[in-house]
Amino acid sequence: MKVLIPPRNRRLGTVDVLGIIGVVGLLVARYIPVARIIPFWGCVLREQTGWPCLGCGLTRVADRVSHLNFAGAWDANPLGTVGAIVFALLAVAMVLHLVFAMPIPEIILSPWEWGVLRVTLPVLILVNYAWVVVKTRFPHLLL
């Protein structure tokens, strides 16, 4: 892995765009009760079959992270909680970059590191989904 530090700048980049998405998403989750005002909001798969989908709990995660209830967010969907916290950190980095011209480091991964990431990420998603399924369908196993 190589980390490059560019000169100070205020150019809009990937981190800035993801930070803007994080700010908007967390502000919506904090101040707009989306699940209550949109009548069709919810997991259709869970409503029809009783089984959760891969994204079950993400609305609760966004709401709970925006209210700083990290334990409740973790309980709803652990990997979603990590994602929401990363979006919040990217929002902070975006503000520091665009307001104070703080350079955002560029990370360059080797082919081997990309391969590890390509294997690790699906495994994490499957483990997270297994946990969500056990939590929603077989909660007695978690006692």
N, C-alpha and C. Protein backbone atom coordinates (compact mmCIF):
# COMPACT_ATOMS: atom_id res chain seq x y z
N MET A 1 0.85 -1.16 0.00
CA MET A 1 0.00 0.00 0.00
C MET A 1 0.89 1.23 0.00
N LYS A 2 0.55 2.17 -0.85
CA LYS A 2 1.26 3.44 -0.91
C LYS A 2 0.28 4.54 -0.53
N VAL A 3 0.75 5.48 0.26
CA VAL A 3 -0.06 6.63 0.65
C VAL A 3 0.64 7.88 0.12
N LEU A 4 -0.06 8.61 -0.73
CA LEU A 4 0.47 9.84 -1.30
C LEU A 4 -0.26 11.03 -0.70
N ILE A 5 0.48 12.03 -0.30
CA ILE A 5 -0.11 13.26 0.25
C ILE A 5 0.00 14.35 -0.82
N PRO A 6 -1.12 14.76 -1.40
CA PRO A 6 -1.07 15.80 -2.43
C PRO A 6 -0.88 17.18 -1.79
N PRO A 7 -0.56 18.19 -2.59
CA PRO A 7 -0.46 19.54 -2.03
C PRO A 7 -1.84 20.04 -1.58
N ARG A 8 -1.83 21.07 -0.74
CA ARG A 8 -3.10 21.64 -0.26
C ARG A 8 -3.94 22.08 -1.45
N ASN A 9 -5.23 21.74 -1.42
CA ASN A 9 -6.13 22.12 -2.50
C ASN A 9 -7.56 22.06 -1.99
N ARG A 10 -8.45 22.57 -2.83
CA ARG A 10 -9.89 22.52 -2.52
C ARG A 10 -10.66 21.90 -3.68
N ARG A 11 -10.00 21.06 -4.45
CA ARG A 11 -10.66 20.41 -5.57
C ARG A 11 -11.61 19.33 -5.07
N LEU A 12 -12.80 19.28 -5.64
CA LEU A 12 -13.80 18.28 -5.26
C LEU A 12 -13.34 16.91 -5.75
N GLY A 13 -13.31 15.95 -4.84
CA GLY A 13 -12.88 14.60 -5.17
C GLY A 13 -13.85 13.57 -4.64
N THR A 14 -13.46 12.31 -4.72
CA THR A 14 -14.32 11.21 -4.30
C THR A 14 -14.68 11.31 -2.82
N VAL A 15 -13.70 11.60 -1.99
CA VAL A 15 -13.96 11.71 -0.54
C VAL A 15 -14.96 12.83 -0.27
N ASP A 16 -14.85 13.92 -1.00
CA ASP A 16 -15.77 15.05 -0.81
C ASP A 16 -17.19 14.67 -1.21
N VAL A 17 -17.34 13.99 -2.34
CA VAL A 17 -18.67 13.58 -2.79
C VAL A 17 -19.29 12.60 -1.79
N LEU A 18 -18.50 11.63 -1.33
CA LEU A 18 -19.02 10.68 -0.33
C LEU A 18 -19.33 11.39 0.99
N GLY A 19 -18.56 12.41 1.34
CA GLY A 19 -18.84 13.20 2.54
C GLY A 19 -20.13 13.97 2.42
N ILE A 20 -20.40 14.54 1.25
CA ILE A 20 -21.66 15.25 1.01
C ILE A 20 -22.83 14.28 1.12
N ILE A 21 -22.67 13.09 0.53
CA ILE A 21 -23.72 12.07 0.63
C ILE A 21 -23.94 11.70 2.10
N GLY A 22 -22.86 11.57 2.85
CA GLY A 22 -22.97 11.25 4.27
C GLY A 22 -23.69 12.33 5.06
N VAL A 23 -23.36 13.59 4.81
CA VAL A 23 -24.02 14.70 5.50
C VAL A 23 -25.51 14.71 5.18
N VAL A 24 -25.85 14.61 3.91
CA VAL A 24 -27.26 14.64 3.51
C VAL A 24 -28.00 13.45 4.11
N GLY A 25 -27.42 12.26 3.99
CA GLY A 25 -28.08 11.06 4.51
C GLY A 25 -28.30 11.12 6.01
N LEU A 26 -27.28 11.53 6.76
CA LEU A 26 -27.43 11.59 8.22
C LEU A 26 -28.36 12.72 8.66
N LEU A 27 -28.38 13.83 7.92
CA LEU A 27 -29.33 14.90 8.25
C LEU A 27 -30.77 14.46 7.98
N VAL A 28 -30.98 13.77 6.86
CA VAL A 28 -32.33 13.24 6.58
C VAL A 28 -32.73 12.25 7.65
N ALA A 29 -31.81 11.35 8.02
CA ALA A 29 -32.12 10.35 9.05
C ALA A 29 -32.40 11.02 10.39
N ARG A 30 -31.74 12.13 10.66
CA ARG A 30 -31.89 12.81 11.95
C ARG A 30 -33.20 13.58 12.04
N TYR A 31 -33.60 14.24 10.96
CA TYR A 31 -34.72 15.18 11.06
C TYR A 31 -35.98 14.80 10.29
N ILE A 32 -35.92 13.80 9.43
CA ILE A 32 -37.10 13.41 8.65
C ILE A 32 -37.43 11.96 8.95
N PRO A 33 -38.59 11.67 9.53
CA PRO A 33 -38.96 10.28 9.82
C PRO A 33 -39.45 9.56 8.56
N VAL A 34 -38.50 9.19 7.72
CA VAL A 34 -38.82 8.61 6.40
C VAL A 34 -39.71 7.38 6.53
N ALA A 35 -39.42 6.50 7.47
CA ALA A 35 -40.19 5.26 7.61
C ALA A 35 -41.63 5.51 8.02
N ARG A 36 -41.90 6.66 8.61
CA ARG A 36 -43.27 6.97 9.03
C ARG A 36 -44.06 7.72 7.97
N ILE A 37 -43.38 8.56 7.17
CA ILE A 37 -44.12 9.41 6.24
C ILE A 37 -44.28 8.80 4.85
N ILE A 38 -43.47 7.79 4.51
CA ILE A 38 -43.62 7.14 3.21
C ILE A 38 -44.34 5.82 3.46
N PRO A 39 -45.55 5.68 2.93
CA PRO A 39 -46.37 4.51 3.28
C PRO A 39 -45.81 3.17 2.80
N PHE A 40 -45.06 3.16 1.72
CA PHE A 40 -44.55 1.89 1.19
C PHE A 40 -43.13 1.58 1.69
N TRP A 41 -42.63 2.36 2.65
CA TRP A 41 -41.27 2.16 3.15
C TRP A 41 -41.21 0.87 3.96
N GLY A 42 -40.23 0.07 3.68
CA GLY A 42 -40.04 -1.16 4.44
C GLY A 42 -39.46 -2.24 3.55
N CYS A 43 -39.17 -3.36 4.15
CA CYS A 43 -38.56 -4.47 3.43
C CYS A 43 -39.66 -5.39 2.90
N VAL A 44 -39.85 -5.39 1.60
CA VAL A 44 -40.88 -6.22 0.98
C VAL A 44 -40.58 -7.70 1.20
N LEU A 45 -39.32 -8.08 1.08
CA LEU A 45 -38.95 -9.49 1.28
C LEU A 45 -39.31 -9.94 2.70
N ARG A 46 -39.00 -9.12 3.67
CA ARG A 46 -39.30 -9.48 5.07
C ARG A 46 -40.81 -9.51 5.32
N GLU A 47 -41.54 -8.58 4.71
CA GLU A 47 -42.99 -8.56 4.88
C GLU A 47 -43.65 -9.78 4.25
N GLN A 48 -43.13 -10.23 3.11
CA GLN A 48 -43.75 -11.34 2.39
C GLN A 48 -43.30 -12.71 2.90
N THR A 49 -42.02 -12.84 3.28
CA THR A 49 -41.49 -14.15 3.64
C THR A 49 -41.10 -14.28 5.11
N GLY A 50 -40.90 -13.16 5.78
CA GLY A 50 -40.41 -13.21 7.15
C GLY A 50 -38.90 -13.25 7.24
N TRP A 51 -38.23 -13.38 6.11
CA TRP A 51 -36.76 -13.43 6.07
C TRP A 51 -36.22 -12.05 5.73
N PRO A 52 -35.18 -11.60 6.42
CA PRO A 52 -34.61 -10.27 6.13
C PRO A 52 -33.80 -10.27 4.84
N CYS A 53 -33.68 -9.09 4.26
CA CYS A 53 -32.83 -8.94 3.08
C CYS A 53 -31.44 -8.49 3.54
N LEU A 54 -30.52 -8.33 2.61
CA LEU A 54 -29.16 -7.89 2.96
C LEU A 54 -29.13 -6.50 3.59
N GLY A 55 -30.09 -5.67 3.24
CA GLY A 55 -30.10 -4.29 3.75
C GLY A 55 -31.04 -4.06 4.91
N CYS A 56 -31.61 -5.12 5.46
CA CYS A 56 -32.54 -4.95 6.58
C CYS A 56 -31.83 -4.30 7.75
N GLY A 57 -32.46 -3.27 8.29
CA GLY A 57 -31.92 -2.56 9.44
C GLY A 57 -31.17 -1.30 9.09
N LEU A 58 -30.94 -1.03 7.81
CA LEU A 58 -30.12 0.15 7.45
C LEU A 58 -30.83 1.46 7.74
N THR A 59 -32.15 1.52 7.64
CA THR A 59 -32.87 2.73 8.00
C THR A 59 -32.73 2.99 9.49
N ARG A 60 -32.86 1.93 10.30
CA ARG A 60 -32.68 2.07 11.74
C ARG A 60 -31.24 2.45 12.07
N VAL A 61 -30.28 1.90 11.33
CA VAL A 61 -28.88 2.26 11.56
C VAL A 61 -28.67 3.75 11.32
N ALA A 62 -29.14 4.26 10.20
CA ALA A 62 -28.95 5.69 9.89
C ALA A 62 -29.62 6.56 10.96
N ASP A 63 -30.83 6.19 11.36
CA ASP A 63 -31.54 6.96 12.38
C ASP A 63 -30.77 6.93 13.70
N ARG A 64 -30.32 5.75 14.11
CA ARG A 64 -29.66 5.62 15.40
C ARG A 64 -28.26 6.26 15.40
N VAL A 65 -27.52 6.14 14.31
CA VAL A 65 -26.20 6.79 14.25
C VAL A 65 -26.38 8.30 14.26
N SER A 66 -27.39 8.81 13.57
CA SER A 66 -27.61 10.26 13.56
C SER A 66 -28.03 10.78 14.93
N HIS A 67 -28.56 9.90 15.77
CA HIS A 67 -28.91 10.27 17.15
C HIS A 67 -27.82 9.84 18.15
N LEU A 68 -26.68 9.41 17.62
CA LEU A 68 -25.51 8.97 18.41
C LEU A 68 -25.81 7.76 19.29
N ASN A 69 -26.76 6.92 18.86
CA ASN A 69 -27.08 5.67 19.56
C ASN A 69 -26.34 4.54 18.83
N PHE A 70 -25.05 4.43 19.08
CA PHE A 70 -24.23 3.48 18.35
C PHE A 70 -24.53 2.04 18.74
N ALA A 71 -24.86 1.79 19.99
CA ALA A 71 -25.19 0.43 20.43
C ALA A 71 -26.46 -0.05 19.75
N GLY A 72 -27.46 0.82 19.66
CA GLY A 72 -28.70 0.45 18.98
C GLY A 72 -28.48 0.24 17.50
N ALA A 73 -27.63 1.06 16.89
CA ALA A 73 -27.32 0.89 15.47
C ALA A 73 -26.61 -0.43 15.24
N TRP A 74 -25.65 -0.75 16.11
CA TRP A 74 -24.92 -2.01 15.99
C TRP A 74 -25.87 -3.20 16.11
N ASP A 75 -26.86 -3.07 16.98
CA ASP A 75 -27.84 -4.13 17.18
C ASP A 75 -28.70 -4.33 15.93
N ALA A 76 -28.97 -3.26 15.18
CA ALA A 76 -29.79 -3.36 13.98
C ALA A 76 -29.03 -3.98 12.81
N ASN A 77 -27.78 -3.58 12.60
CA ASN A 77 -26.99 -4.10 11.49
C ASN A 77 -25.53 -3.67 11.69
N PRO A 78 -24.66 -4.59 12.14
CA PRO A 78 -23.28 -4.21 12.46
C PRO A 78 -22.50 -3.60 11.29
N LEU A 79 -22.56 -4.22 10.12
CA LEU A 79 -21.80 -3.71 8.99
C LEU A 79 -22.37 -2.37 8.51
N GLY A 80 -23.68 -2.22 8.60
CA GLY A 80 -24.31 -0.94 8.27
C GLY A 80 -23.86 0.17 9.21
N THR A 81 -23.66 -0.18 10.48
CA THR A 81 -23.18 0.79 11.46
C THR A 81 -21.77 1.26 11.10
N VAL A 82 -20.92 0.32 10.72
CA VAL A 82 -19.57 0.68 10.30
C VAL A 82 -19.64 1.60 9.09
N GLY A 83 -20.50 1.28 8.13
CA GLY A 83 -20.66 2.11 6.95
C GLY A 83 -21.15 3.51 7.28
N ALA A 84 -22.13 3.62 8.17
CA ALA A 84 -22.66 4.94 8.56
C ALA A 84 -21.59 5.77 9.27
N ILE A 85 -20.81 5.14 10.12
CA ILE A 85 -19.74 5.86 10.81
C ILE A 85 -18.67 6.31 9.82
N VAL A 86 -18.37 5.46 8.83
CA VAL A 86 -17.40 5.86 7.80
C VAL A 86 -17.93 7.06 7.01
N PHE A 87 -19.23 7.06 6.67
CA PHE A 87 -19.81 8.22 5.99
C PHE A 87 -19.70 9.47 6.85
N ALA A 88 -19.92 9.35 8.16
CA ALA A 88 -19.79 10.51 9.06
C ALA A 88 -18.35 11.01 9.08
N LEU A 89 -17.38 10.09 9.13
CA LEU A 89 -15.97 10.49 9.10
C LEU A 89 -15.59 11.14 7.77
N LEU A 90 -16.15 10.62 6.68
CA LEU A 90 -15.91 11.24 5.37
C LEU A 90 -16.51 12.64 5.32
N ALA A 91 -17.63 12.85 6.00
CA ALA A 91 -18.22 14.19 6.05
C ALA A 91 -17.28 15.16 6.78
N VAL A 92 -16.68 14.70 7.87
CA VAL A 92 -15.71 15.55 8.59
C VAL A 92 -14.50 15.83 7.70
N ALA A 93 -14.00 14.80 7.01
CA ALA A 93 -12.86 15.00 6.12
C ALA A 93 -13.21 15.96 4.99
N MET A 94 -14.43 15.88 4.48
CA MET A 94 -14.87 16.78 3.41
C MET A 94 -14.87 18.23 3.88
N VAL A 95 -15.37 18.47 5.08
CA VAL A 95 -15.39 19.84 5.62
C VAL A 95 -13.96 20.35 5.80
N LEU A 96 -13.10 19.52 6.40
CA LEU A 96 -11.71 19.94 6.59
C LEU A 96 -11.01 20.21 5.26
N HIS A 97 -11.32 19.41 4.25
CA HIS A 97 -10.69 19.58 2.95
C HIS A 97 -11.19 20.83 2.24
N LEU A 98 -12.51 21.00 2.18
CA LEU A 98 -13.06 22.11 1.40
C LEU A 98 -12.96 23.45 2.12
N VAL A 99 -13.00 23.46 3.45
CA VAL A 99 -12.94 24.72 4.19
C VAL A 99 -11.50 25.12 4.48
N PHE A 100 -10.69 24.17 4.93
CA PHE A 100 -9.32 24.49 5.35
C PHE A 100 -8.25 24.03 4.37
N ALA A 101 -8.64 23.49 3.23
CA ALA A 101 -7.71 23.02 2.20
C ALA A 101 -6.77 21.93 2.71
N MET A 102 -7.26 21.14 3.65
CA MET A 102 -6.45 20.03 4.16
C MET A 102 -6.30 18.99 3.05
N PRO A 103 -5.09 18.54 2.78
CA PRO A 103 -4.93 17.53 1.73
C PRO A 103 -5.51 16.19 2.17
N ILE A 104 -6.17 15.52 1.23
CA ILE A 104 -6.73 14.19 1.49
C ILE A 104 -5.73 13.17 0.93
N PRO A 105 -5.21 12.28 1.77
CA PRO A 105 -4.25 11.29 1.28
C PRO A 105 -4.86 10.37 0.23
N GLU A 106 -4.06 10.03 -0.74
CA GLU A 106 -4.49 9.08 -1.76
C GLU A 106 -3.85 7.73 -1.44
N ILE A 107 -4.69 6.70 -1.37
CA ILE A 107 -4.20 5.36 -1.03
C ILE A 107 -4.20 4.52 -2.30
N ILE A 108 -3.04 3.94 -2.60
CA ILE A 108 -2.90 3.09 -3.78
C ILE A 108 -2.61 1.67 -3.30
N LEU A 109 -3.50 0.75 -3.64
CA LEU A 109 -3.34 -0.65 -3.23
C LEU A 109 -2.65 -1.45 -4.32
N SER A 110 -1.85 -2.41 -3.89
CA SER A 110 -1.19 -3.32 -4.83
C SER A 110 -2.22 -4.34 -5.33
N PRO A 111 -1.92 -5.06 -6.41
CA PRO A 111 -2.85 -6.08 -6.89
C PRO A 111 -3.17 -7.13 -5.83
N TRP A 112 -2.19 -7.51 -5.01
CA TRP A 112 -2.44 -8.49 -3.96
C TRP A 112 -3.41 -7.94 -2.92
N GLU A 113 -3.24 -6.67 -2.55
CA GLU A 113 -4.14 -6.05 -1.57
C GLU A 113 -5.56 -5.91 -2.12
N TRP A 114 -5.69 -5.62 -3.41
CA TRP A 114 -7.01 -5.59 -4.03
C TRP A 114 -7.64 -6.98 -3.98
N GLY A 115 -6.84 -8.01 -4.21
CA GLY A 115 -7.35 -9.38 -4.15
C GLY A 115 -7.85 -9.73 -2.75
N VAL A 116 -7.09 -9.33 -1.73
CA VAL A 116 -7.52 -9.57 -0.35
C VAL A 116 -8.83 -8.84 -0.08
N LEU A 117 -8.94 -7.61 -0.55
CA LEU A 117 -10.17 -6.84 -0.36
C LEU A 117 -11.35 -7.49 -1.07
N ARG A 118 -11.12 -8.01 -2.29
CA ARG A 118 -12.19 -8.66 -3.04
C ARG A 118 -12.68 -9.93 -2.36
N VAL A 119 -11.84 -10.58 -1.58
CA VAL A 119 -12.25 -11.78 -0.85
C VAL A 119 -12.87 -11.40 0.50
N THR A 120 -12.27 -10.45 1.18
CA THR A 120 -12.69 -10.09 2.53
C THR A 120 -14.06 -9.43 2.56
N LEU A 121 -14.32 -8.53 1.63
CA LEU A 121 -15.59 -7.80 1.64
C LEU A 121 -16.80 -8.71 1.49
N PRO A 122 -16.84 -9.64 0.51
CA PRO A 122 -17.98 -10.54 0.45
C PRO A 122 -18.13 -11.43 1.69
N VAL A 123 -17.00 -11.83 2.28
CA VAL A 123 -17.07 -12.64 3.51
C VAL A 123 -17.70 -11.81 4.63
N LEU A 124 -17.29 -10.56 4.77
CA LEU A 124 -17.88 -9.69 5.79
C LEU A 124 -19.38 -9.50 5.56
N ILE A 125 -19.78 -9.33 4.31
CA ILE A 125 -21.20 -9.15 3.99
C ILE A 125 -21.98 -10.41 4.35
N LEU A 126 -21.44 -11.58 4.03
CA LEU A 126 -22.13 -12.83 4.36
C LEU A 126 -22.23 -13.06 5.87
N VAL A 127 -21.17 -12.78 6.59
CA VAL A 127 -21.20 -12.93 8.05
C VAL A 127 -22.22 -11.96 8.66
N ASN A 128 -22.23 -10.72 8.17
CA ASN A 128 -23.20 -9.75 8.65
C ASN A 128 -24.62 -10.21 8.36
N TYR A 129 -24.87 -10.71 7.15
CA TYR A 129 -26.20 -11.18 6.79
C TYR A 129 -26.61 -12.37 7.65
N ALA A 130 -25.68 -13.27 7.92
CA ALA A 130 -25.98 -14.40 8.78
C ALA A 130 -26.37 -13.91 10.17
N TRP A 131 -25.69 -12.91 10.67
CA TRP A 131 -26.02 -12.37 11.98
C TRP A 131 -27.41 -11.74 11.97
N VAL A 132 -27.73 -10.98 10.92
CA VAL A 132 -29.06 -10.35 10.82
C VAL A 132 -30.14 -11.42 10.74
N VAL A 133 -29.90 -12.49 9.99
CA VAL A 133 -30.89 -13.57 9.88
C VAL A 133 -31.09 -14.22 11.24
N VAL A 134 -30.02 -14.55 11.92
CA VAL A 134 -30.14 -15.18 13.24
C VAL A 134 -30.85 -14.24 14.20
N LYS A 135 -30.53 -12.95 14.15
CA LYS A 135 -31.14 -11.98 15.06
C LYS A 135 -32.64 -11.85 14.83
N THR A 136 -33.07 -11.88 13.56
CA THR A 136 -34.49 -11.67 13.27
C THR A 136 -35.30 -12.96 13.28
N ARG A 137 -34.73 -14.06 12.82
CA ARG A 137 -35.49 -15.30 12.70
C ARG A 137 -35.30 -16.24 13.89
N PHE A 138 -34.13 -16.23 14.51
CA PHE A 138 -33.82 -17.15 15.59
C PHE A 138 -33.20 -16.41 16.78
N PRO A 139 -33.89 -15.42 17.34
CA PRO A 139 -33.30 -14.61 18.41
C PRO A 139 -32.98 -15.42 19.67
N HIS A 140 -33.66 -16.55 19.85
CA HIS A 140 -33.39 -17.38 21.04
C HIS A 140 -31.97 -17.96 21.02
N LEU A 141 -31.36 -18.03 19.86
CA LEU A 141 -29.99 -18.54 19.77
C LEU A 141 -28.96 -17.54 20.29
N LEU A 142 -29.34 -16.29 20.43
CA LEU A 142 -28.39 -15.25 20.86
C LEU A 142 -28.41 -15.04 22.37
N LEU A 143 -29.22 -15.76 23.10
CA LEU A 143 -29.28 -15.57 24.56
C LEU A 143 -28.09 -16.11 25.25
